[in-house]
C-alpha atoms as a PDB file:
ATOM      1  CA  MET A   1      74.482  53.320 196.667  1.00  0.00           C
ATOM      2  CA  LYS A   2      73.682  52.788 192.998  1.00  0.00           C
ATOM      3  CA  ILE A   3      75.976  50.313 191.229  1.00  0.00           C
ATOM      4  CA  MET A   4      77.628  51.705 188.099  1.00  0.00           C
ATOM      5  CA  HIS A   5      77.856  49.047 185.411  1.00  0.00           C
ATOM      6  CA  PRO A   6      80.385  49.269 182.561  1.00  0.00           C
ATOM      7  CA  HIS A   7      79.009  50.608 179.276  1.00  0.00           C
ATOM      8  CA  GLU A   8      78.210  47.976 176.635  1.00  0.00           C
ATOM      9  CA  ASP A   9      81.053  49.267 174.453  1.00  0.00           C
ATOM     10  CA  VAL A  10      83.487  48.643 177.312  1.00  0.00           C
ATOM     11  CA  LEU A  11      82.251  45.073 177.777  1.00  0.00           C
ATOM     12  CA  ASN A  12      82.588  44.510 174.054  1.00  0.00           C
ATOM     13  CA  GLU A  13      86.176  45.782 174.090  1.00  0.00           C
ATOM     14  CA  LEU A  14      86.912  43.521 177.055  1.00  0.00           C
ATOM     15  CA  VAL A  15      85.746  40.483 175.093  1.00  0.00           C
ATOM     16  CA  ASP A  16      87.630  41.643 171.991  1.00  0.00           C
ATOM     17  CA  GLY A  17      90.813  42.108 174.039  1.00  0.00           C
ATOM     18  CA  THR A  18      91.179  45.764 173.016  1.00  0.00           C
ATOM     19  CA  LEU A  19      90.622  47.321 176.441  1.00  0.00           C
ATOM     20  CA  GLY A  20      93.553  49.146 178.033  1.00  0.00           C
ATOM     21  CA  PRO A  21      95.304  47.471 181.009  1.00  0.00           C
ATOM     22  CA  ALA A  22      94.044  49.896 183.656  1.00  0.00           C
ATOM     23  CA  GLU A  23      90.439  49.880 182.477  1.00  0.00           C
ATOM     24  CA  ARG A  24      90.551  46.114 181.991  1.00  0.00           C
ATOM     25  CA  THR A  25      91.614  45.637 185.609  1.00  0.00           C
ATOM     26  CA  GLU A  26      88.777  47.891 186.771  1.00  0.00           C
ATOM     27  CA  VAL A  27      86.170  46.054 184.696  1.00  0.00           C
ATOM     28  CA  GLU A  28      87.425  42.622 185.786  1.00  0.00           C
ATOM     29  CA  ARG A  29      87.173  43.758 189.409  1.00  0.00           C
ATOM     30  CA  HIS A  30      83.557  44.745 188.764  1.00  0.00           C
ATOM     31  CA  LEU A  31      82.831  41.366 187.158  1.00  0.00           C
ATOM     32  CA  GLU A  32      84.002  39.582 190.314  1.00  0.00           C
ATOM     33  CA  THR A  33      80.974  40.940 192.187  1.00  0.00           C
ATOM     34  CA  CYS A  34      78.428  41.440 189.372  1.00  0.00           C
ATOM     35  CA  ALA A  35      76.841  38.208 188.163  1.00  0.00           C
ATOM     36  CA  ASN A  36      74.685  40.082 185.645  1.00  0.00           C
ATOM     37  CA  CYS A  37      77.629  41.639 183.810  1.00  0.00           C
ATOM     38  CA  ARG A  38      79.523  38.335 183.954  1.00  0.00           C
ATOM     39  CA  THR A  39      76.635  36.624 182.197  1.00  0.00           C
ATOM     40  CA  ILE A  40      76.553  39.361 179.562  1.00  0.00           C
ATOM     41  CA  VAL A  41      80.289  38.956 178.952  1.00  0.00           C
ATOM     42  CA  ASP A  42      79.888  35.179 178.728  1.00  0.00           C
ATOM     43  CA  GLY A  43      77.130  35.661 176.167  1.00  0.00           C
ATOM     44  CA  LEU A  44      79.270  38.039 174.124  1.00  0.00           C
ATOM     45  CA  GLY A  45      82.122  35.565 174.240  1.00  0.00           C
ATOM     46  CA  ALA A  46      79.886  32.710 173.094  1.00  0.00           C
ATOM     47  CA  VAL A  47      78.558  34.786 170.208  1.00  0.00           C
ATOM     48  CA  GLY A  48      82.055  35.873 169.224  1.00  0.00           C
ATOM     49  CA  ARG A  49      83.360  32.312 169.243  1.00  0.00           C
ATOM     50  CA  ALA A  50      80.408  31.166 167.170  1.00  0.00           C
ATOM     51  CA  VAL A  51      80.996  33.892 164.593  1.00  0.00           C
ATOM     52  CA  GLY A  52      84.695  33.043 164.449  1.00  0.00           C
ATOM     53  CA  SER A  53      83.972  29.382 163.795  1.00  0.00           C
ATOM     54  CA  LEU A  54      81.655  29.992 160.863  1.00  0.00           C
ATOM     55  CA  GLU A  55      82.664  29.905 157.242  1.00  0.00           C
ATOM     56  CA  LEU A  56      82.353  33.355 155.661  1.00  0.00           C
ATOM     57  CA  ARG A  57      79.268  33.479 153.455  1.00  0.00           C
ATOM     58  CA  GLU A  58      77.396  36.409 151.978  1.00  0.00           C
ATOM     59  CA  PRO A  59      73.792  36.453 153.226  1.00  0.00           C
ATOM     60  CA  PRO A  60      71.005  37.633 150.882  1.00  0.00           C
ATOM     61  CA  ALA A  61      70.703  41.407 150.509  1.00  0.00           C
ATOM     62  CA  ARG A  62      67.204  41.341 152.030  1.00  0.00           C
ATOM     63  CA  THR A  63      68.665  39.938 155.244  1.00  0.00           C
ATOM     64  CA  TRP A  64      70.937  42.939 155.755  1.00  0.00           C
ATOM     65  CA  SER A  65      68.001  45.242 154.961  1.00  0.00           C
ATOM     66  CA  ARG A  66      65.972  43.696 157.782  1.00  0.00           C
ATOM     67  CA  VAL A  67      68.877  44.003 160.229  1.00  0.00           C
ATOM     68  CA  GLU A  68      69.492  47.648 159.270  1.00  0.00           C
ATOM     69  CA  ARG A  69      65.802  48.425 159.678  1.00  0.00           C
ATOM     70  CA  ALA A  70      65.743  46.771 163.111  1.00  0.00           C
ATOM     71  CA  ILE A  71      68.745  48.845 164.233  1.00  0.00           C
ATOM     72  CA  ARG A  72      67.181  52.058 162.960  1.00  0.00           C
ATOM     73  CA  LEU A  73      63.832  51.413 164.637  1.00  0.00           C
ATOM     74  CA  ASP A  74      65.499  50.558 167.941  1.00  0.00           C
ATOM     75  CA  ILE A  75      67.586  53.730 167.890  1.00  0.00           C
ATOM     76  CA  GLU A  76      64.507  55.808 167.071  1.00  0.00           C
ATOM     77  CA  ALA A  77      62.611  54.136 169.907  1.00  0.00           C
ATOM     78  CA  GLN A  78      65.351  55.156 172.369  1.00  0.00           C
ATOM     79  CA  GLY A  79      65.334  58.761 171.150  1.00  0.00           C
ATOM     80  CA  VAL A  80      68.220  60.514 169.419  1.00  0.00           C
ATOM     81  CA  GLN A  81      69.542  63.987 170.096  1.00  0.00           C
ATOM     82  CA  PRO A  82      69.640  66.532 167.236  1.00  0.00           C
ATOM     83  CA  GLY A  83      72.474  65.612 164.923  1.00  0.00           C
ATOM     84  CA  GLY A  84      71.989  61.896 165.575  1.00  0.00           C
ATOM     85  CA  LEU A  85      74.994  61.561 167.886  1.00  0.00           C
ATOM     86  CA  GLU A  86      73.896  59.769 171.024  1.00  0.00           C
ATOM     87  CA  PRO A  87      70.564  58.369 172.169  1.00  0.00           C
ATOM     88  CA  ARG A  88      69.107  60.130 175.191  1.00  0.00           C
ATOM     89  CA  ARG A  89      69.841  58.025 178.254  1.00  0.00           C
ATOM     90  CA  THR A  90      66.901  57.427 180.547  1.00  0.00           C
ATOM     91  CA  PRO A  91      66.497  55.020 183.464  1.00  0.00           C
ATOM     92  CA  GLY A  92      66.597  51.522 182.051  1.00  0.00           C
ATOM     93  CA  THR A  93      68.028  52.645 178.699  1.00  0.00           C
ATOM     94  CA  PHE A  94      71.440  51.172 179.446  1.00  0.00           C
ATOM     95  CA  LYS A  95      70.085  47.682 179.943  1.00  0.00           C
ATOM     96  CA  GLY A  96      67.771  48.092 176.962  1.00  0.00           C
ATOM     97  CA  SER A  97      70.526  49.208 174.611  1.00  0.00           C
ATOM     98  CA  ARG A  98      72.842  46.500 175.915  1.00  0.00           C
ATOM     99  CA  LEU A  99      70.202  43.872 175.210  1.00  0.00           C
ATOM    100  CA  MET A 100      69.638  45.340 171.753  1.00  0.00           C
ATOM    101  CA  TRP A 101      73.378  45.097 170.998  1.00  0.00           C
ATOM    102  CA  LEU A 102      73.553  41.542 172.306  1.00  0.00           C
ATOM    103  CA  GLY A 103      70.488  40.526 170.344  1.00  0.00           C
ATOM    104  CA  LEU A 104      71.962  41.923 167.134  1.00  0.00           C
ATOM    105  CA  ALA A 105      75.278  40.207 167.832  1.00  0.00           C
ATOM    106  CA  ALA A 106      73.523  36.891 168.260  1.00  0.00           C
ATOM    107  CA  ALA A 107      71.492  37.630 165.134  1.00  0.00           C
ATOM    108  CA  ALA A 108      74.768  37.850 163.220  1.00  0.00           C
ATOM    109  CA  VAL A 109      75.511  34.262 164.203  1.00  0.00           C
ATOM    110  CA  ILE A 110      72.044  33.196 163.148  1.00  0.00           C
ATOM    111  CA  ILE A 111      72.267  34.974 159.786  1.00  0.00           C
ATOM    112  CA  ILE A 112      75.530  33.232 158.936  1.00  0.00           C
ATOM    113  CA  ALA A 113      74.377  29.868 160.255  1.00  0.00           C
ATOM    114  CA  ALA A 114      71.142  30.147 158.298  1.00  0.00           C
ATOM    115  CA  SER A 115      73.112  30.835 155.123  1.00  0.00           C
ATOM    116  CA  LEU A 116      74.696  27.381 155.325  1.00  0.00           C
ATOM    117  CA  THR A 117      73.494  25.312 152.406  1.00  0.00           C
ATOM    118  CA  LEU A 118      72.757  21.817 153.601  1.00  0.00           C
ATOM    119  CA  ARG A 119      72.742  19.644 150.490  1.00  0.00           C
ATOM    120  CA  LEU A 120      70.488  16.748 151.359  1.00  0.00           C
ATOM    121  CA  PRO A 121      70.378  14.095 148.635  1.00  0.00           C
ATOM    122  CA  ARG A 122      66.923  12.615 148.196  1.00  0.00           C
ATOM    123  CA  PHE A 123      67.559   9.015 149.143  1.00  0.00           C
ATOM    124  CA  GLY A 124      65.046   6.730 147.491  1.00  0.00           C
ATOM    125  CA  SER A 125      63.482   9.530 145.423  1.00  0.00           C
ATOM    126  CA  GLN A 126      65.221   8.603 142.182  1.00  0.00           C
ATOM    127  CA  SER A 127      64.324   5.624 140.017  1.00  0.00           C
ATOM    128  CA  GLY A 128      65.271   4.050 136.725  1.00  0.00           C
ATOM    129  CA  PRO A 129      68.041   1.851 135.390  1.00  0.00           C
ATOM    130  CA  ALA A 130      70.738   4.504 135.654  1.00  0.00           C
ATOM    131  CA  GLN A 131      70.054   4.968 139.352  1.00  0.00           C
ATOM    132  CA  GLN A 132      69.742   1.252 140.020  1.00  0.00           C
ATOM    133  CA  VAL A 133      73.202   0.494 138.655  1.00  0.00           C
ATOM    134  CA  ALA A 134      74.894   3.361 140.503  1.00  0.00           C
ATOM    135  CA  PRO A 135      77.835   2.107 142.569  1.00  0.00           C
ATOM    136  CA  GLN A 136      77.179   1.638 146.260  1.00  0.00           C
ATOM    137  CA  THR A 137      80.375   3.510 147.001  1.00  0.00           C
ATOM    138  CA  ALA A 138      78.848   6.700 145.563  1.00  0.00           C
ATOM    139  CA  ALA A 139      75.823   6.355 147.843  1.00  0.00           C
ATOM    140  CA  GLY A 140      78.111   5.780 150.803  1.00  0.00           C
ATOM    141  CA  SER A 141      80.133   8.859 149.912  1.00  0.00           C
ATOM    142  CA  ASP A 142      76.971  10.971 149.656  1.00  0.00           C
ATOM    143  CA  ALA A 143      75.790   9.723 153.045  1.00  0.00           C
ATOM    144  CA  GLN A 144      79.106  10.614 154.680  1.00  0.00           C
ATOM    145  CA  SER A 145      79.052  14.058 153.067  1.00  0.00           C
ATOM    146  CA  VAL A 146      75.534  14.751 154.300  1.00  0.00           C
ATOM    147  CA  GLU A 147      76.417  13.525 157.793  1.00  0.00           C
ATOM    148  CA  ALA A 148      79.417  15.872 157.912  1.00  0.00           C
ATOM    149  CA  GLU A 149      77.399  18.862 156.701  1.00  0.00           C
ATOM    150  CA  LEU A 150      74.550  18.102 159.090  1.00  0.00           C
ATOM    151  CA  ARG A 151      77.013  17.860 161.972  1.00  0.00           C
ATOM    152  CA  GLN A 152      78.590  21.200 160.998  1.00  0.00           C
ATOM    153  CA  ALA A 153      75.219  22.932 160.678  1.00  0.00           C
ATOM    154  CA  SER A 154      74.091  21.485 164.015  1.00  0.00           C
ATOM    155  CA  GLU A 155      77.212  22.804 165.739  1.00  0.00           C
ATOM    156  CA  HIS A 156      76.625  26.305 164.362  1.00  0.00           C
ATOM    157  CA  TYR A 157      72.988  26.354 165.430  1.00  0.00           C
ATOM    158  CA  GLU A 158      73.880  25.023 168.880  1.00  0.00           C
ATOM    159  CA  LYS A 159      76.461  27.797 169.342  1.00  0.00           C
ATOM    160  CA  ALA A 160      73.923  30.432 168.314  1.00  0.00           C
ATOM    161  CA  ILE A 161      71.384  28.911 170.706  1.00  0.00           C
ATOM    162  CA  LYS A 162      73.915  28.916 173.556  1.00  0.00           C
ATOM    163  CA  GLY A 163      74.686  32.594 173.041  1.00  0.00           C
ATOM    164  CA  LEU A 164      70.995  33.525 172.935  1.00  0.00           C
ATOM    165  CA  GLU A 165      70.248  31.447 176.036  1.00  0.00           C
ATOM    166  CA  GLN A 166      72.952  33.269 177.995  1.00  0.00           C
ATOM    167  CA  ILE A 167      71.550  36.612 176.874  1.00  0.00           C
ATOM    168  CA  ALA A 168      67.991  35.645 177.804  1.00  0.00           C
ATOM    169  CA  HIS A 169      68.989  34.200 181.196  1.00  0.00           C
ATOM    170  CA  ALA A 170      70.929  37.354 182.072  1.00  0.00           C
ATOM    171  CA  GLU A 171      67.729  39.420 182.166  1.00  0.00           C
ATOM    172  CA  GLN A 172      65.034  36.807 182.772  1.00  0.00           C
ATOM    173  CA  GLY A 173      64.019  38.619 185.950  1.00  0.00           C
ATOM    174  CA  ALA A 174      62.413  41.289 183.756  1.00  0.00           C
ATOM    175  CA  LEU A 175      59.672  38.840 182.729  1.00  0.00           C
ATOM    176  CA  ASP A 176      56.505  38.311 184.731  1.00  0.00           C
ATOM    177  CA  PRO A 177      56.043  34.752 186.072  1.00  0.00           C
ATOM    178  CA  ARG A 178      53.212  33.865 183.666  1.00  0.00           C
ATOM    179  CA  THR A 179      55.173  34.900 180.569  1.00  0.00           C
ATOM    180  CA  ALA A 180      58.309  33.173 181.858  1.00  0.00           C
ATOM    181  CA  ALA A 181      56.278  29.984 182.373  1.00  0.00           C
ATOM    182  CA  THR A 182      54.932  30.192 178.808  1.00  0.00           C
ATOM    183  CA  LEU A 183      58.457  30.564 177.454  1.00  0.00           C
ATOM    184  CA  GLN A 184      59.718  27.608 179.479  1.00  0.00           C
ATOM    185  CA  LYS A 185      56.795  25.481 178.300  1.00  0.00           C
ATOM    186  CA  ASN A 186      57.488  26.322 174.654  1.00  0.00           C
ATOM    187  CA  LEU A 187      61.212  25.681 175.057  1.00  0.00           C
ATOM    188  CA  ALA A 188      60.517  22.303 176.676  1.00  0.00           C
ATOM    189  CA  VAL A 189      58.346  21.286 173.710  1.00  0.00           C
ATOM    190  CA  ILE A 190      61.056  22.331 171.242  1.00  0.00           C
ATOM    191  CA  ASP A 191      63.794  20.583 173.222  1.00  0.00           C
ATOM    192  CA  GLN A 192      61.757  17.376 173.185  1.00  0.00           C
ATOM    193  CA  ALA A 193      61.294  17.716 169.417  1.00  0.00           C
ATOM    194  CA  ILE A 194      65.067  18.104 169.008  1.00  0.00           C
ATOM    195  CA  VAL A 195      65.644  14.956 171.082  1.00  0.00           C
ATOM    196  CA  GLU A 196      63.161  13.019 168.941  1.00  0.00           C
ATOM    197  CA  SER A 197      64.785  14.269 165.718  1.00  0.00           C
ATOM    198  CA  ARG A 198      68.196  13.143 166.960  1.00  0.00           C
ATOM    199  CA  GLU A 199      66.808   9.729 167.879  1.00  0.00           C
ATOM    200  CA  ALA A 200      65.229   9.394 164.432  1.00  0.00           C
ATOM    201  CA  LEU A 201      68.548  10.290 162.804  1.00  0.00           C
ATOM    202  CA  HIS A 202      70.355   7.750 164.951  1.00  0.00           C
ATOM    203  CA  THR A 203      67.969   5.075 163.704  1.00  0.00           C
ATOM    204  CA  GLN A 204      67.859   6.298 160.088  1.00  0.00           C
ATOM    205  CA  PRO A 205      70.937   8.437 159.340  1.00  0.00           C
ATOM    206  CA  ASN A 206      69.989   8.798 155.663  1.00  0.00           C
ATOM    207  CA  SER A 207      66.428   9.957 156.308  1.00  0.00           C
ATOM    208  CA  GLU A 208      65.962  13.353 154.684  1.00  0.00           C
ATOM    209  CA  PRO A 209      62.785  14.134 156.711  1.00  0.00           C
ATOM    210  CA  ALA A 210      64.682  13.438 159.943  1.00  0.00           C
ATOM    211  CA  GLN A 211      67.606  15.602 158.825  1.00  0.00           C
ATOM    212  CA  GLN A 212      65.362  18.493 157.871  1.00  0.00           C
ATOM    213  CA  SER A 213      63.304  18.082 161.030  1.00  0.00           C
ATOM    214  CA  LEU A 214      66.388  18.570 163.206  1.00  0.00           C
ATOM    215  CA  ILE A 215      67.398  21.753 161.380  1.00  0.00           C
ATOM    216  CA  ASP A 216      63.823  23.082 161.489  1.00  0.00           C
ATOM    217  CA  ASN A 217      63.661  22.455 165.238  1.00  0.00           C
ATOM    218  CA  PHE A 218      66.945  24.330 165.737  1.00  0.00           C
ATOM    219  CA  LYS A 219      65.508  27.267 163.780  1.00  0.00           C
ATOM    220  CA  THR A 220      62.324  27.177 165.866  1.00  0.00           C
ATOM    221  CA  LYS A 221      64.289  27.320 169.123  1.00  0.00           C
ATOM    222  CA  ILE A 222      66.409  30.191 167.838  1.00  0.00           C
ATOM    223  CA  ALA A 223      63.270  32.105 166.827  1.00  0.00           C
ATOM    224  CA  LEU A 224      61.756  31.607 170.296  1.00  0.00           C
ATOM    225  CA  LEU A 225      64.936  32.777 172.021  1.00  0.00           C
ATOM    226  CA  GLN A 226      65.043  35.805 169.721  1.00  0.00           C
ATOM    227  CA  ASP A 227      61.463  36.581 170.749  1.00  0.00           C
ATOM    228  CA  THR A 228      62.521  36.302 174.391  1.00  0.00           C
ATOM    229  CA  VAL A 229      65.374  38.785 173.961  1.00  0.00           C
ATOM    230  CA  ALA A 230      63.112  41.124 171.975  1.00  0.00           C
ATOM    231  CA  LEU A 231      60.420  40.926 174.668  1.00  0.00           C
ATOM    232  CA  ILE A 232      62.865  41.765 177.453  1.00  0.00           C
ATOM    233  CA  ASN A 233      64.185  44.660 175.380  1.00  0.00           C
ATOM    234  CA  GLU A 234      60.680  46.070 174.812  1.00  0.00           C
ATOM    235  CA  MET A 235      59.865  45.780 178.515  1.00  0.00           C
ATOM    236  CA  ARG A 236      63.103  47.548 179.461  1.00  0.00           C
ATOM    237  CA  LYS A 237      62.171  50.400 177.104  1.00  0.00           C
ATOM    238  CA  GLY A 238      58.668  50.584 178.539  1.00  0.00           C
ATOM    239  CA  ASN A 239      57.087  49.766 175.181  1.00  0.00           C
ATOM    240  CA  GLU A 240      53.960  47.993 176.419  1.00  0.00           C
ATOM    241  CA  ALA A 241      52.404  47.723 172.950  1.00  0.00           C
ATOM    242  CA  GLY A 242      55.520  46.090 171.505  1.00  0.00           C
ATOM    243  CA  ALA A 243      55.785  43.698 174.450  1.00  0.00           C
ATOM    244  CA  ALA A 244      52.092  42.774 174.150  1.00  0.00           C
ATOM    245  CA  ARG A 245      52.513  41.876 170.477  1.00  0.00           C
ATOM    246  CA  ILE A 246      55.423  39.554 171.263  1.00  0.00           C
ATOM    247  CA  VAL A 247      53.591  37.923 174.194  1.00  0.00           C
ATOM    248  CA  SER A 248      50.556  37.364 171.963  1.00  0.00           C
ATOM    249  CA  GLY A 249      52.758  35.584 169.441  1.00  0.00           C
ATOM    250  CA  LEU A 250      54.290  33.432 172.170  1.00  0.00           C
ATOM    251  CA  LYS A 251      50.854  32.315 173.380  1.00  0.00           C
ATOM    252  CA  GLN A 252      49.865  31.373 169.847  1.00  0.00           C
ATOM    253  CA  LYS A 253      52.979  29.191 169.566  1.00  0.00           C
ATOM    254  CA  GLY A 254      52.365  27.537 172.920  1.00  0.00           C
END
């Protein structure tokens, strides 16, 4: 007997708390026996909490253009009925569209997190009498401000990473062993780089290179996880050419 999974819109409403009592009970009963859907719901919840914790900022217009283009291309790839109402559902389309929605939701976290402006003062880069006589209290205040902003940015990136990891793990069975091994190898390298950046910051809290290195490593891990979600999505849609392009990029990064 084929298991009927809740539609992605239903899972979204469950997380948002807008699902009716009867349907909510039915979906929760399904989640008790479906680990895959539970993981999807956990990922949605993580993304939602991350979005809710972020300060509202307006991303650059070009960012929204890229997101809109990605949505349009994905819908076209699935096939749309005349009138543009609903994409034609084929075997595997449900999981593919669900992954697309989850990937875009996580991308929203990343867009907002990336819009955070981390103001890193250039310690030691200024010279001259005026700088030499500056009060030490001002330098201490700047250091505390940078530490607070770095901590906030790190928390946002970590939340985005957590949401993407849950999404990727939910469908990791779609990847062939060799590709999965490449992804794990790349993630291990990035995780080690993050550890080293944290250690450098612990030793030299005011080091701008160490601060920027940590943020850059977070961005690199997010990009790799995005590639993972995109790869799974392409494989679910049967787009071998699209999947091959992503795999090629992963090998180049490894």
